[in-house]
Amino acid sequence: MNRAFVHLSQNNYTEAHASFSEVLKVDPKNPVANNNAAVCLLYLGRLKESLGQLEGLVQQDPAQYLHESVLFNLTTMYELESSRSNQKKQALLEAVACREGDSFNTLCLKLA
């Protein structure tokens, strides 16, 4: 995964995505690799694919993927993708509230 972060730091998103994808072949549920692979897709201009990846992860395994860094990236993508981003963010807030309660830092949802 270190190689992926080196490529990411050099703005080489194609190679970074390829490296994160290699990590995911060995560890498909790795939240760091999944989140960063989706960010690479975003920077490669593949917003829909990136959104699909993060939304799928959150739906499949909310216990593992309903955390601040994933949700921050997902809400940023919602803002880029749709004028209905606030509705989508509200749905995320409801999902978080059901699982995490009051201890979750909702600033990552960028609702204000």
PDB file of N, CA and C in Angstrom:
ATOM      1  N   MET A   1       0.828  -1.187   0.000  1.00  0.00           N
ATOM      2  CA  MET A   1       0.000   0.000   0.000  1.00  0.00           C
ATOM      3  C   MET A   1       0.877   1.258   0.000  1.00  0.00           C
ATOM      4  N   ASN A   2       2.088   1.144   0.506  1.00  0.00           N
ATOM      5  CA  ASN A   2       2.979   2.303   0.505  1.00  0.00           C
ATOM      6  C   ASN A   2       3.218   2.832  -0.901  1.00  0.00           C
ATOM      7  N   ARG A   3       3.352   1.931  -1.852  1.00  0.00           N
ATOM      8  CA  ARG A   3       3.559   2.340  -3.243  1.00  0.00           C
ATOM      9  C   ARG A   3       2.372   3.165  -3.740  1.00  0.00           C
ATOM     10  N   ALA A   4       1.179   2.760  -3.354  1.00  0.00           N
ATOM     11  CA  ALA A   4      -0.025   3.493  -3.758  1.00  0.00           C
ATOM     12  C   ALA A   4       0.007   4.923  -3.216  1.00  0.00           C
ATOM     13  N   PHE A   5       0.425   5.071  -1.954  1.00  0.00           N
ATOM     14  CA  PHE A   5       0.489   6.408  -1.368  1.00  0.00           C
ATOM     15  C   PHE A   5       1.583   7.257  -2.002  1.00  0.00           C
ATOM     16  N   VAL A   6       2.669   6.634  -2.421  1.00  0.00           N
ATOM     17  CA  VAL A   6       3.716   7.377  -3.132  1.00  0.00           C
ATOM     18  C   VAL A   6       3.154   7.918  -4.437  1.00  0.00           C
ATOM     19  N   HIS A   7       2.466   7.068  -5.193  1.00  0.00           N
ATOM     20  CA  HIS A   7       1.860   7.516  -6.456  1.00  0.00           C
ATOM     21  C   HIS A   7       0.830   8.617  -6.192  1.00  0.00           C
ATOM     22  N   LEU A   8       0.060   8.453  -5.144  1.00  0.00           N
ATOM     23  CA  LEU A   8      -0.954   9.449  -4.797  1.00  0.00           C
ATOM     24  C   LEU A   8      -0.292  10.786  -4.469  1.00  0.00           C
ATOM     25  N   SER A   9       0.786  10.749  -3.725  1.00  0.00           N
ATOM     26  CA  SER A   9       1.482  11.997  -3.359  1.00  0.00           C
ATOM     27  C   SER A   9       2.100  12.683  -4.567  1.00  0.00           C
ATOM     28  N   GLN A  10       2.324  11.927  -5.632  1.00  0.00           N
ATOM     29  CA  GLN A  10       2.897  12.485  -6.858  1.00  0.00           C
ATOM     30  C   GLN A  10       1.813  12.833  -7.885  1.00  0.00           C
ATOM     31  N   ASN A  11       0.550  12.781  -7.437  1.00  0.00           N
ATOM     32  CA  ASN A  11      -0.606  13.059  -8.313  1.00  0.00           C
ATOM     33  C   ASN A  11      -0.685  12.111  -9.504  1.00  0.00           C
ATOM     34  N   ASN A  12      -0.153  10.920  -9.336  1.00  0.00           N
ATOM     35  CA  ASN A  12      -0.218   9.893 -10.377  1.00  0.00           C
ATOM     36  C   ASN A  12      -1.383   8.971 -10.017  1.00  0.00           C
ATOM     37  N   TYR A  13      -2.588   9.435 -10.334  1.00  0.00           N
ATOM     38  CA  TYR A  13      -3.795   8.752  -9.878  1.00  0.00           C
ATOM     39  C   TYR A  13      -4.038   7.418 -10.579  1.00  0.00           C
ATOM     40  N   THR A  14      -3.584   7.284 -11.809  1.00  0.00           N
ATOM     41  CA  THR A  14      -3.743   6.013 -12.517  1.00  0.00           C
ATOM     42  C   THR A  14      -2.943   4.918 -11.821  1.00  0.00           C
ATOM     43  N   GLU A  15      -1.674   5.201 -11.534  1.00  0.00           N
ATOM     44  CA  GLU A  15      -0.831   4.212 -10.863  1.00  0.00           C
ATOM     45  C   GLU A  15      -1.272   3.990  -9.416  1.00  0.00           C
ATOM     46  N   ALA A  16      -1.691   5.066  -8.765  1.00  0.00           N
ATOM     47  CA  ALA A  16      -2.172   4.926  -7.384  1.00  0.00           C
ATOM     48  C   ALA A  16      -3.394   4.012  -7.346  1.00  0.00           C
ATOM     49  N   HIS A  17      -4.314   4.226  -8.288  1.00  0.00           N
ATOM     50  CA  HIS A  17      -5.513   3.373  -8.326  1.00  0.00           C
ATOM     51  C   HIS A  17      -5.129   1.921  -8.596  1.00  0.00           C
ATOM     52  N   ALA A  18      -4.208   1.716  -9.502  1.00  0.00           N
ATOM     53  CA  ALA A  18      -3.752   0.348  -9.797  1.00  0.00           C
ATOM     54  C   ALA A  18      -3.134  -0.294  -8.555  1.00  0.00           C
ATOM     55  N   SER A  19      -2.359   0.460  -7.811  1.00  0.00           N
ATOM     56  CA  SER A  19      -1.727  -0.079  -6.600  1.00  0.00           C
ATOM     57  C   SER A  19      -2.762  -0.367  -5.511  1.00  0.00           C
ATOM     58  N   PHE A  20      -3.714   0.540  -5.320  1.00  0.00           N
ATOM     59  CA  PHE A  20      -4.777   0.271  -4.342  1.00  0.00           C
ATOM     60  C   PHE A  20      -5.591  -0.954  -4.769  1.00  0.00           C
ATOM     61  N   SER A  21      -5.806  -1.102  -6.063  1.00  0.00           N
ATOM     62  CA  SER A  21      -6.546  -2.269  -6.565  1.00  0.00           C
ATOM     63  C   SER A  21      -5.799  -3.566  -6.284  1.00  0.00           C
ATOM     64  N   GLU A  22      -4.477  -3.538  -6.365  1.00  0.00           N
ATOM     65  CA  GLU A  22      -3.672  -4.721  -6.022  1.00  0.00           C
ATOM     66  C   GLU A  22      -3.835  -5.076  -4.549  1.00  0.00           C
ATOM     67  N   VAL A  23      -3.846  -4.071  -3.688  1.00  0.00           N
ATOM     68  CA  VAL A  23      -4.073  -4.308  -2.254  1.00  0.00           C
ATOM     69  C   VAL A  23      -5.438  -4.954  -2.056  1.00  0.00           C
ATOM     70  N   LEU A  24      -6.436  -4.469  -2.800  1.00  0.00           N
ATOM     71  CA  LEU A  24      -7.804  -4.980  -2.634  1.00  0.00           C
ATOM     72  C   LEU A  24      -7.965  -6.415  -3.145  1.00  0.00           C
ATOM     73  N   LYS A  25      -7.089  -6.849  -4.035  1.00  0.00           N
ATOM     74  CA  LYS A  25      -7.125  -8.253  -4.460  1.00  0.00           C
ATOM     75  C   LYS A  25      -6.761  -9.178  -3.308  1.00  0.00           C
ATOM     76  N   VAL A  26      -5.855  -8.715  -2.449  1.00  0.00           N
ATOM     77  CA  VAL A  26      -5.408  -9.498  -1.296  1.00  0.00           C
ATOM     78  C   VAL A  26      -6.332  -9.290  -0.101  1.00  0.00           C
ATOM     79  N   ASP A  27      -6.814  -8.066   0.065  1.00  0.00           N
ATOM     80  CA  ASP A  27      -7.637  -7.700   1.217  1.00  0.00           C
ATOM     81  C   ASP A  27      -8.819  -6.857   0.732  1.00  0.00           C
ATOM     82  N   PRO A  28      -9.857  -7.501   0.180  1.00  0.00           N
ATOM     83  CA  PRO A  28     -10.957  -6.771  -0.468  1.00  0.00           C
ATOM     84  C   PRO A  28     -11.747  -5.834   0.450  1.00  0.00           C
ATOM     85  N   LYS A  29     -11.681  -6.035   1.739  1.00  0.00           N
ATOM     86  CA  LYS A  29     -12.444  -5.188   2.658  1.00  0.00           C
ATOM     87  C   LYS A  29     -11.598  -4.096   3.300  1.00  0.00           C
ATOM     88  N   ASN A  30     -10.378  -3.921   2.836  1.00  0.00           N
ATOM     89  CA  ASN A  30      -9.500  -2.922   3.426  1.00  0.00           C
ATOM     90  C   ASN A  30     -10.116  -1.529   3.252  1.00  0.00           C
ATOM     91  N   PRO A  31     -10.544  -0.895   4.353  1.00  0.00           N
ATOM     92  CA  PRO A  31     -11.238   0.393   4.214  1.00  0.00           C
ATOM     93  C   PRO A  31     -10.350   1.519   3.692  1.00  0.00           C
ATOM     94  N   VAL A  32      -9.078   1.510   4.040  1.00  0.00           N
ATOM     95  CA  VAL A  32      -8.173   2.562   3.580  1.00  0.00           C
ATOM     96  C   VAL A  32      -7.954   2.438   2.075  1.00  0.00           C
ATOM     97  N   ALA A  33      -7.703   1.237   1.611  1.00  0.00           N
ATOM     98  CA  ALA A  33      -7.488   1.022   0.178  1.00  0.00           C
ATOM     99  C   ALA A  33      -8.761   1.308  -0.619  1.00  0.00           C
ATOM    100  N   ASN A  34      -9.907   0.882  -0.108  1.00  0.00           N
ATOM    101  CA  ASN A  34     -11.166   1.143  -0.801  1.00  0.00           C
ATOM    102  C   ASN A  34     -11.456   2.636  -0.900  1.00  0.00           C
ATOM    103  N   ASN A  35     -11.300   3.335   0.198  1.00  0.00           N
ATOM    104  CA  ASN A  35     -11.567   4.770   0.224  1.00  0.00           C
ATOM    105  C   ASN A  35     -10.634   5.512  -0.735  1.00  0.00           C
ATOM    106  N   ASN A  36      -9.357   5.186  -0.679  1.00  0.00           N
ATOM    107  CA  ASN A  36      -8.395   5.880  -1.531  1.00  0.00           C
ATOM    108  C   ASN A  36      -8.512   5.488  -2.998  1.00  0.00           C
ATOM    109  N   ALA A  37      -8.895   4.258  -3.279  1.00  0.00           N
ATOM    110  CA  ALA A  37      -9.137   3.862  -4.667  1.00  0.00           C
ATOM    111  C   ALA A  37     -10.287   4.684  -5.246  1.00  0.00           C
ATOM    112  N   ALA A  38     -11.323   4.910  -4.442  1.00  0.00           N
ATOM    113  CA  ALA A  38     -12.454   5.723  -4.894  1.00  0.00           C
ATOM    114  C   ALA A  38     -12.029   7.173  -5.130  1.00  0.00           C
ATOM    115  N   VAL A  39     -11.178   7.701  -4.267  1.00  0.00           N
ATOM    116  CA  VAL A  39     -10.670   9.069  -4.449  1.00  0.00           C
ATOM    117  C   VAL A  39      -9.864   9.160  -5.743  1.00  0.00           C
ATOM    118  N   CYS A  40      -9.070   8.149  -6.027  1.00  0.00           N
ATOM    119  CA  CYS A  40      -8.310   8.135  -7.285  1.00  0.00           C
ATOM    120  C   CYS A  40      -9.256   8.176  -8.484  1.00  0.00           C
ATOM    121  N   LEU A  41     -10.329   7.392  -8.416  1.00  0.00           N
ATOM    122  CA  LEU A  41     -11.304   7.410  -9.510  1.00  0.00           C
ATOM    123  C   LEU A  41     -11.886   8.809  -9.695  1.00  0.00           C
ATOM    124  N   LEU A  42     -12.159   9.475  -8.594  1.00  0.00           N
ATOM    125  CA  LEU A  42     -12.676  10.839  -8.672  1.00  0.00           C
ATOM    126  C   LEU A  42     -11.688  11.735  -9.417  1.00  0.00           C
ATOM    127  N   TYR A  43     -10.422  11.683  -9.047  1.00  0.00           N
ATOM    128  CA  TYR A  43      -9.417  12.516  -9.691  1.00  0.00           C
ATOM    129  C   TYR A  43      -9.168  12.125 -11.146  1.00  0.00           C
ATOM    130  N   LEU A  44      -9.531  10.905 -11.498  1.00  0.00           N
ATOM    131  CA  LEU A  44      -9.404  10.466 -12.889  1.00  0.00           C
ATOM    132  C   LEU A  44     -10.633  10.829 -13.714  1.00  0.00           C
ATOM    133  N   GLY A  45     -11.577  11.553 -13.081  1.00  0.00           N
ATOM    134  CA  GLY A  45     -12.775  11.987 -13.797  1.00  0.00           C
ATOM    135  C   GLY A  45     -13.857  10.937 -13.874  1.00  0.00           C
ATOM    136  N   ARG A  46     -13.790   9.953 -13.019  1.00  0.00           N
ATOM    137  CA  ARG A  46     -14.759   8.843 -13.034  1.00  0.00           C
ATOM    138  C   ARG A  46     -15.655   8.943 -11.792  1.00  0.00           C
ATOM    139  N   LEU A  47     -16.355  10.066 -11.689  1.00  0.00           N
ATOM    140  CA  LEU A  47     -17.165  10.379 -10.520  1.00  0.00           C
ATOM    141  C   LEU A  47     -18.228   9.325 -10.248  1.00  0.00           C
ATOM    142  N   LYS A  48     -18.966   8.936 -11.259  1.00  0.00           N
ATOM    143  CA  LYS A  48     -20.052   7.957 -11.067  1.00  0.00           C
ATOM    144  C   LYS A  48     -19.511   6.640 -10.514  1.00  0.00           C
ATOM    145  N   GLU A  49     -18.402   6.188 -11.064  1.00  0.00           N
ATOM    146  CA  GLU A  49     -17.782   4.940 -10.620  1.00  0.00           C
ATOM    147  C   GLU A  49     -17.287   5.070  -9.175  1.00  0.00           C
ATOM    148  N   SER A  50     -16.706   6.219  -8.876  1.00  0.00           N
ATOM    149  CA  SER A  50     -16.207   6.490  -7.535  1.00  0.00           C
ATOM    150  C   SER A  50     -17.352   6.506  -6.516  1.00  0.00           C
ATOM    151  N   LEU A  51     -18.425   7.204  -6.862  1.00  0.00           N
ATOM    152  CA  LEU A  51     -19.610   7.235  -6.008  1.00  0.00           C
ATOM    153  C   LEU A  51     -20.174   5.840  -5.799  1.00  0.00           C
ATOM    154  N   GLY A  52     -20.262   5.098  -6.872  1.00  0.00           N
ATOM    155  CA  GLY A  52     -20.796   3.730  -6.783  1.00  0.00           C
ATOM    156  C   GLY A  52     -19.973   2.862  -5.853  1.00  0.00           C
ATOM    157  N   GLN A  53     -18.663   3.026  -5.910  1.00  0.00           N
ATOM    158  CA  GLN A  53     -17.787   2.227  -5.051  1.00  0.00           C
ATOM    159  C   GLN A  53     -18.032   2.557  -3.578  1.00  0.00           C
ATOM    160  N   LEU A  54     -18.020   3.848  -3.228  1.00  0.00           N
ATOM    161  CA  LEU A  54     -18.202   4.211  -1.820  1.00  0.00           C
ATOM    162  C   LEU A  54     -19.617   3.918  -1.331  1.00  0.00           C
ATOM    163  N   GLU A  55     -20.621   4.206  -2.148  1.00  0.00           N
ATOM    164  CA  GLU A  55     -21.997   3.909  -1.737  1.00  0.00           C
ATOM    165  C   GLU A  55     -22.189   2.413  -1.526  1.00  0.00           C
ATOM    166  N   GLY A  56     -21.620   1.619  -2.415  1.00  0.00           N
ATOM    167  CA  GLY A  56     -21.722   0.167  -2.284  1.00  0.00           C
ATOM    168  C   GLY A  56     -21.079  -0.335  -1.003  1.00  0.00           C
ATOM    169  N   LEU A  57     -19.935   0.213  -0.678  1.00  0.00           N
ATOM    170  CA  LEU A  57     -19.242  -0.196   0.551  1.00  0.00           C
ATOM    171  C   LEU A  57     -20.056   0.162   1.788  1.00  0.00           C
ATOM    172  N   VAL A  58     -20.594   1.370   1.816  1.00  0.00           N
ATOM    173  CA  VAL A  58     -21.387   1.819   2.966  1.00  0.00           C
ATOM    174  C   VAL A  58     -22.639   0.950   3.120  1.00  0.00           C
ATOM    175  N   GLN A  59     -23.259   0.584   2.011  1.00  0.00           N
ATOM    176  CA  GLN A  59     -24.464  -0.255   2.068  1.00  0.00           C
ATOM    177  C   GLN A  59     -24.131  -1.692   2.461  1.00  0.00           C
ATOM    178  N   GLN A  60     -23.038  -2.230   1.926  1.00  0.00           N
ATOM    179  CA  GLN A  60     -22.653  -3.619   2.199  1.00  0.00           C
ATOM    180  C   GLN A  60     -22.221  -3.839   3.635  1.00  0.00           C
ATOM    181  N   ASP A  61     -21.424  -2.926   4.146  1.00  0.00           N
ATOM    182  CA  ASP A  61     -20.826  -3.120   5.465  1.00  0.00           C
ATOM    183  C   ASP A  61     -20.779  -1.795   6.224  1.00  0.00           C
ATOM    184  N   PRO A  62     -21.936  -1.319   6.684  1.00  0.00           N
ATOM    185  CA  PRO A  62     -21.955  -0.016   7.361  1.00  0.00           C
ATOM    186  C   PRO A  62     -21.095   0.020   8.613  1.00  0.00           C
ATOM    187  N   ALA A  63     -20.950  -1.074   9.298  1.00  0.00           N
ATOM    188  CA  ALA A  63     -20.128  -1.078  10.512  1.00  0.00           C
ATOM    189  C   ALA A  63     -18.682  -0.709  10.193  1.00  0.00           C
ATOM    190  N   GLN A  64     -18.198  -1.132   9.033  1.00  0.00           N
ATOM    191  CA  GLN A  64     -16.812  -0.868   8.670  1.00  0.00           C
ATOM    192  C   GLN A  64     -16.638   0.441   7.909  1.00  0.00           C
ATOM    193  N   TYR A  65     -17.648   0.859   7.156  1.00  0.00           N
ATOM    194  CA  TYR A  65     -17.456   1.993   6.253  1.00  0.00           C
ATOM    195  C   TYR A  65     -18.199   3.262   6.634  1.00  0.00           C
ATOM    196  N   LEU A  66     -19.032   3.231   7.645  1.00  0.00           N
ATOM    197  CA  LEU A  66     -19.676   4.464   8.097  1.00  0.00           C
ATOM    198  C   LEU A  66     -18.743   5.174   9.070  1.00  0.00           C
ATOM    199  N   HIS A  67     -17.621   5.638   8.558  1.00  0.00           N
ATOM    200  CA  HIS A  67     -16.729   6.409   9.401  1.00  0.00           C
ATOM    201  C   HIS A  67     -16.351   7.702   8.688  1.00  0.00           C
ATOM    202  N   GLU A  68     -15.763   8.609   9.422  1.00  0.00           N
ATOM    203  CA  GLU A  68     -15.628   9.990   8.986  1.00  0.00           C
ATOM    204  C   GLU A  68     -14.913  10.177   7.649  1.00  0.00           C
ATOM    205  N   SER A  69     -13.818   9.501   7.421  1.00  0.00           N
ATOM    206  CA  SER A  69     -13.073   9.753   6.183  1.00  0.00           C
ATOM    207  C   SER A  69     -13.852   9.298   4.949  1.00  0.00           C
ATOM    208  N   VAL A  70     -14.504   8.156   5.032  1.00  0.00           N
ATOM    209  CA  VAL A  70     -15.320   7.683   3.906  1.00  0.00           C
ATOM    210  C   VAL A  70     -16.496   8.622   3.685  1.00  0.00           C
ATOM    211  N   LEU A  71     -17.173   9.008   4.768  1.00  0.00           N
ATOM    212  CA  LEU A  71     -18.348   9.864   4.634  1.00  0.00           C
ATOM    213  C   LEU A  71     -17.977  11.263   4.153  1.00  0.00           C
ATOM    214  N   PHE A  72     -16.840  11.767   4.575  1.00  0.00           N
ATOM    215  CA  PHE A  72     -16.395  13.075   4.078  1.00  0.00           C
ATOM    216  C   PHE A  72     -16.190  13.013   2.565  1.00  0.00           C
ATOM    217  N   ASN A  73     -15.511  11.973   2.095  1.00  0.00           N
ATOM    218  CA  ASN A  73     -15.291  11.832   0.648  1.00  0.00           C
ATOM    219  C   ASN A  73     -16.602  11.633  -0.091  1.00  0.00           C
ATOM    220  N   LEU A  74     -17.487  10.836   0.467  1.00  0.00           N
ATOM    221  CA  LEU A  74     -18.778  10.581  -0.174  1.00  0.00           C
ATOM    222  C   LEU A  74     -19.602  11.865  -0.271  1.00  0.00           C
ATOM    223  N   THR A  75     -19.642  12.652   0.793  1.00  0.00           N
ATOM    224  CA  THR A  75     -20.419  13.896   0.736  1.00  0.00           C
ATOM    225  C   THR A  75     -19.800  14.902  -0.240  1.00  0.00           C
ATOM    226  N   THR A  76     -18.482  14.901  -0.340  1.00  0.00           N
ATOM    227  CA  THR A  76     -17.834  15.766  -1.326  1.00  0.00           C
ATOM    228  C   THR A  76     -18.253  15.359  -2.729  1.00  0.00           C
ATOM    229  N   MET A  77     -18.298  14.066  -2.975  1.00  0.00           N
ATOM    230  CA  MET A  77     -18.728  13.573  -4.292  1.00  0.00           C
ATOM    231  C   MET A  77     -20.188  13.917  -4.557  1.00  0.00           C
ATOM    232  N   TYR A  78     -21.031  13.839  -3.526  1.00  0.00           N
ATOM    233  CA  TYR A  78     -22.427  14.237  -3.690  1.00  0.00           C
ATOM    234  C   TYR A  78     -22.530  15.698  -4.117  1.00  0.00           C
ATOM    235  N   GLU A  79     -21.701  16.542  -3.517  1.00  0.00           N
ATOM    236  CA  GLU A  79     -21.717  17.961  -3.876  1.00  0.00           C
ATOM    237  C   GLU A  79     -21.304  18.173  -5.329  1.00  0.00           C
ATOM    238  N   LEU A  80     -20.384  17.384  -5.809  1.00  0.00           N
ATOM    239  CA  LEU A  80     -19.937  17.500  -7.193  1.00  0.00           C
ATOM    240  C   LEU A  80     -20.957  16.930  -8.176  1.00  0.00           C
ATOM    241  N   GLU A  81     -21.707  15.947  -7.717  1.00  0.00           N
ATOM    242  CA  GLU A  81     -22.569  15.184  -8.611  1.00  0.00           C
ATOM    243  C   GLU A  81     -23.976  15.738  -8.743  1.00  0.00           C
ATOM    244  N   SER A  82     -24.512  16.354  -7.700  1.00  0.00           N
ATOM    245  CA  SER A  82     -25.951  16.596  -7.708  1.00  0.00           C
ATOM    246  C   SER A  82     -26.335  17.854  -6.947  1.00  0.00           C
ATOM    247  N   SER A  83     -27.371  18.499  -7.432  1.00  0.00           N
ATOM    248  CA  SER A  83     -27.946  19.621  -6.685  1.00  0.00           C
ATOM    249  C   SER A  83     -28.781  19.109  -5.509  1.00  0.00           C
ATOM    250  N   ARG A  84     -28.996  17.811  -5.459  1.00  0.00           N
ATOM    251  CA  ARG A  84     -29.737  17.200  -4.353  1.00  0.00           C
ATOM    252  C   ARG A  84     -28.793  16.638  -3.291  1.00  0.00           C
ATOM    253  N   SER A  85     -27.614  17.186  -3.203  1.00  0.00           N
ATOM    254  CA  SER A  85     -26.622  16.642  -2.281  1.00  0.00           C
ATOM    255  C   SER A  85     -27.098  16.706  -0.830  1.00  0.00           C
ATOM    256  N   ASN A  86     -27.843  17.749  -0.469  1.00  0.00           N
ATOM    257  CA  ASN A  86     -28.300  17.849   0.920  1.00  0.00           C
ATOM    258  C   ASN A  86     -29.235  16.704   1.296  1.00  0.00           C
ATOM    259  N   GLN A  87     -30.066  16.282   0.372  1.00  0.00           N
ATOM    260  CA  GLN A  87     -30.955  15.145   0.643  1.00  0.00           C
ATOM    261  C   GLN A  87     -30.140  13.863   0.837  1.00  0.00           C
ATOM    262  N   LYS A  88     -29.130  13.686   0.029  1.00  0.00           N
ATOM    263  CA  LYS A  88     -28.286  12.496   0.144  1.00  0.00           C
ATOM    264  C   LYS A  88     -27.488  12.522   1.445  1.00  0.00           C
ATOM    265  N   LYS A  89     -27.009  13.715   1.817  1.00  0.00           N
ATOM    266  CA  LYS A  89     -26.282  13.851   3.077  1.00  0.00           C
ATOM    267  C   LYS A  89     -27.203  13.573   4.265  1.00  0.00           C
ATOM    268  N   GLN A  90     -28.437  14.026   4.172  1.00  0.00           N
ATOM    269  CA  GLN A  90     -29.406  13.778   5.243  1.00  0.00           C
ATOM    270  C   GLN A  90     -29.641  12.276   5.411  1.00  0.00           C
ATOM    271  N   ALA A  91     -29.704  11.551   4.306  1.00  0.00           N
ATOM    272  CA  ALA A  91     -29.869  10.098   4.372  1.00  0.00           C
ATOM    273  C   ALA A  91     -28.669   9.451   5.066  1.00  0.00           C
ATOM    274  N   LEU A  92     -27.475   9.957   4.791  1.00  0.00           N
ATOM    275  CA  LEU A  92     -26.280   9.442   5.472  1.00  0.00           C
ATOM    276  C   LEU A  92     -26.354   9.736   6.968  1.00  0.00           C
ATOM    277  N   LEU A  93     -26.809  10.935   7.314  1.00  0.00           N
ATOM    278  CA  LEU A  93     -26.945  11.297   8.722  1.00  0.00           C
ATOM    279  C   LEU A  93     -27.895  10.334   9.440  1.00  0.00           C
ATOM    280  N   GLU A  94     -28.986   9.994   8.794  1.00  0.00           N
ATOM    281  CA  GLU A  94     -29.937   9.057   9.391  1.00  0.00           C
ATOM    282  C   GLU A  94     -29.309   7.679   9.579  1.00  0.00           C
ATOM    283  N   ALA A  95     -28.529   7.242   8.598  1.00  0.00           N
ATOM    284  CA  ALA A  95     -27.853   5.942   8.709  1.00  0.00           C
ATOM    285  C   ALA A  95     -26.840   5.957   9.849  1.00  0.00           C
ATOM    286  N   VAL A  96     -26.114   7.044   9.965  1.00  0.00           N
ATOM    287  CA  VAL A  96     -25.132   7.173  11.040  1.00  0.00           C
ATOM    288  C   VAL A  96     -25.837   7.201  12.391  1.00  0.00           C
ATOM    289  N   ALA A  97     -26.918   7.962  12.482  1.00  0.00           N
ATOM    290  CA  ALA A  97     -27.644   8.084  13.747  1.00  0.00           C
ATOM    291  C   ALA A  97     -28.153   6.728  14.233  1.00  0.00           C
ATOM    292  N   CYS A  98     -28.587   5.890  13.324  1.00  0.00           N
ATOM    293  CA  CYS A  98     -29.084   4.560  13.692  1.00  0.00           C
ATOM    294  C   CYS A  98     -27.978   3.662  14.238  1.00  0.00           C
ATOM    295  N   ARG A  99     -26.770   3.833  13.712  1.00  0.00           N
ATOM    296  CA  ARG A  99     -25.669   2.947  14.085  1.00  0.00           C
ATOM    297  C   ARG A  99     -24.760   3.513  15.171  1.00  0.00           C
ATOM    298  N   GLU A 100     -24.512   4.800  15.118  1.00  0.00           N
ATOM    299  CA  GLU A 100     -23.480   5.384  15.968  1.00  0.00           C
ATOM    300  C   GLU A 100     -24.023   6.186  17.150  1.00  0.00           C
ATOM    301  N   GLY A 101     -25.227   6.680  17.037  1.00  0.00           N
ATOM    302  CA  GLY A 101     -25.772   7.502  18.109  1.00  0.00           C
ATOM    303  C   GLY A 101     -25.136   8.878  18.151  1.00  0.00           C
ATOM    304  N   ASP A 102     -25.091   9.476  19.319  1.00  0.00           N
ATOM    305  CA  ASP A 102     -24.631  10.854  19.473  1.00  0.00           C
ATOM    306  C   ASP A 102     -23.116  11.004  19.491  1.00  0.00           C
ATOM    307  N   SER A 103     -22.372   9.926  19.547  1.00  0.00           N
ATOM    308  CA  SER A 103     -20.924  10.027  19.663  1.00  0.00           C
ATOM    309  C   SER A 103     -20.221  10.331  18.338  1.00  0.00           C
ATOM    310  N   PHE A 104     -20.928  10.305  17.245  1.00  0.00           N
ATOM    311  CA  PHE A 104     -20.322  10.477  15.922  1.00  0.00           C
ATOM    312  C   PHE A 104     -20.167  11.964  15.603  1.00  0.00           C
ATOM    313  N   ASN A 105     -19.035  12.331  15.040  1.00  0.00           N
ATOM    314  CA  ASN A 105     -18.776  13.711  14.623  1.00  0.00           C
ATOM    315  C   ASN A 105     -19.435  13.958  13.271  1.00  0.00           C
ATOM    316  N   THR A 106     -20.564  14.623  13.275  1.00  0.00           N
ATOM    317  CA  THR A 106     -21.331  14.823  12.037  1.00  0.00           C
ATOM    318  C   THR A 106     -20.776  15.936  11.148  1.00  0.00           C
ATOM    319  N   LEU A 107     -19.727  16.623  11.574  1.00  0.00           N
ATOM    320  CA  LEU A 107     -19.128  17.665  10.727  1.00  0.00           C
ATOM    321  C   LEU A 107     -18.640  17.100   9.390  1.00  0.00           C
ATOM    322  N   CYS A 108     -18.274  15.816   9.374  1.00  0.00           N
ATOM    323  CA  CYS A 108     -17.790  15.209   8.137  1.00  0.00           C
ATOM    324  C   CYS A 108     -18.867  15.149   7.055  1.00  0.00           C
ATOM    325  N   LEU A 109     -20.139  15.288   7.456  1.00  0.00           N
ATOM    326  CA  LEU A 109     -21.234  15.245   6.489  1.00  0.00           C
ATOM    327  C   LEU A 109     -21.474  16.595   5.823  1.00  0.00           C
ATOM    328  N   LYS A 110     -20.815  17.629   6.304  1.00  0.00           N
ATOM    329  CA  LYS A 110     -20.879  18.966   5.707  1.00  0.00           C
ATOM    330  C   LYS A 110     -22.314  19.422   5.460  1.00  0.00           C
ATOM    331  N   LEU A 111     -23.141  19.326   6.485  1.00  0.00           N
ATOM    332  CA  LEU A 111     -24.540  19.722   6.368  1.00  0.00           C
ATOM    333  C   LEU A 111     -24.777  21.213   6.621  1.00  0.00           C
ATOM    334  N   ALA A 112     -23.878  21.847   7.293  1.00  0.00           N
ATOM    335  CA  ALA A 112     -24.098  23.265   7.629  1.00  0.00           C
ATOM    336  C   ALA A 112     -23.675  24.183   6.515  1.00  0.00           C
TER     337      ALA A 112
END
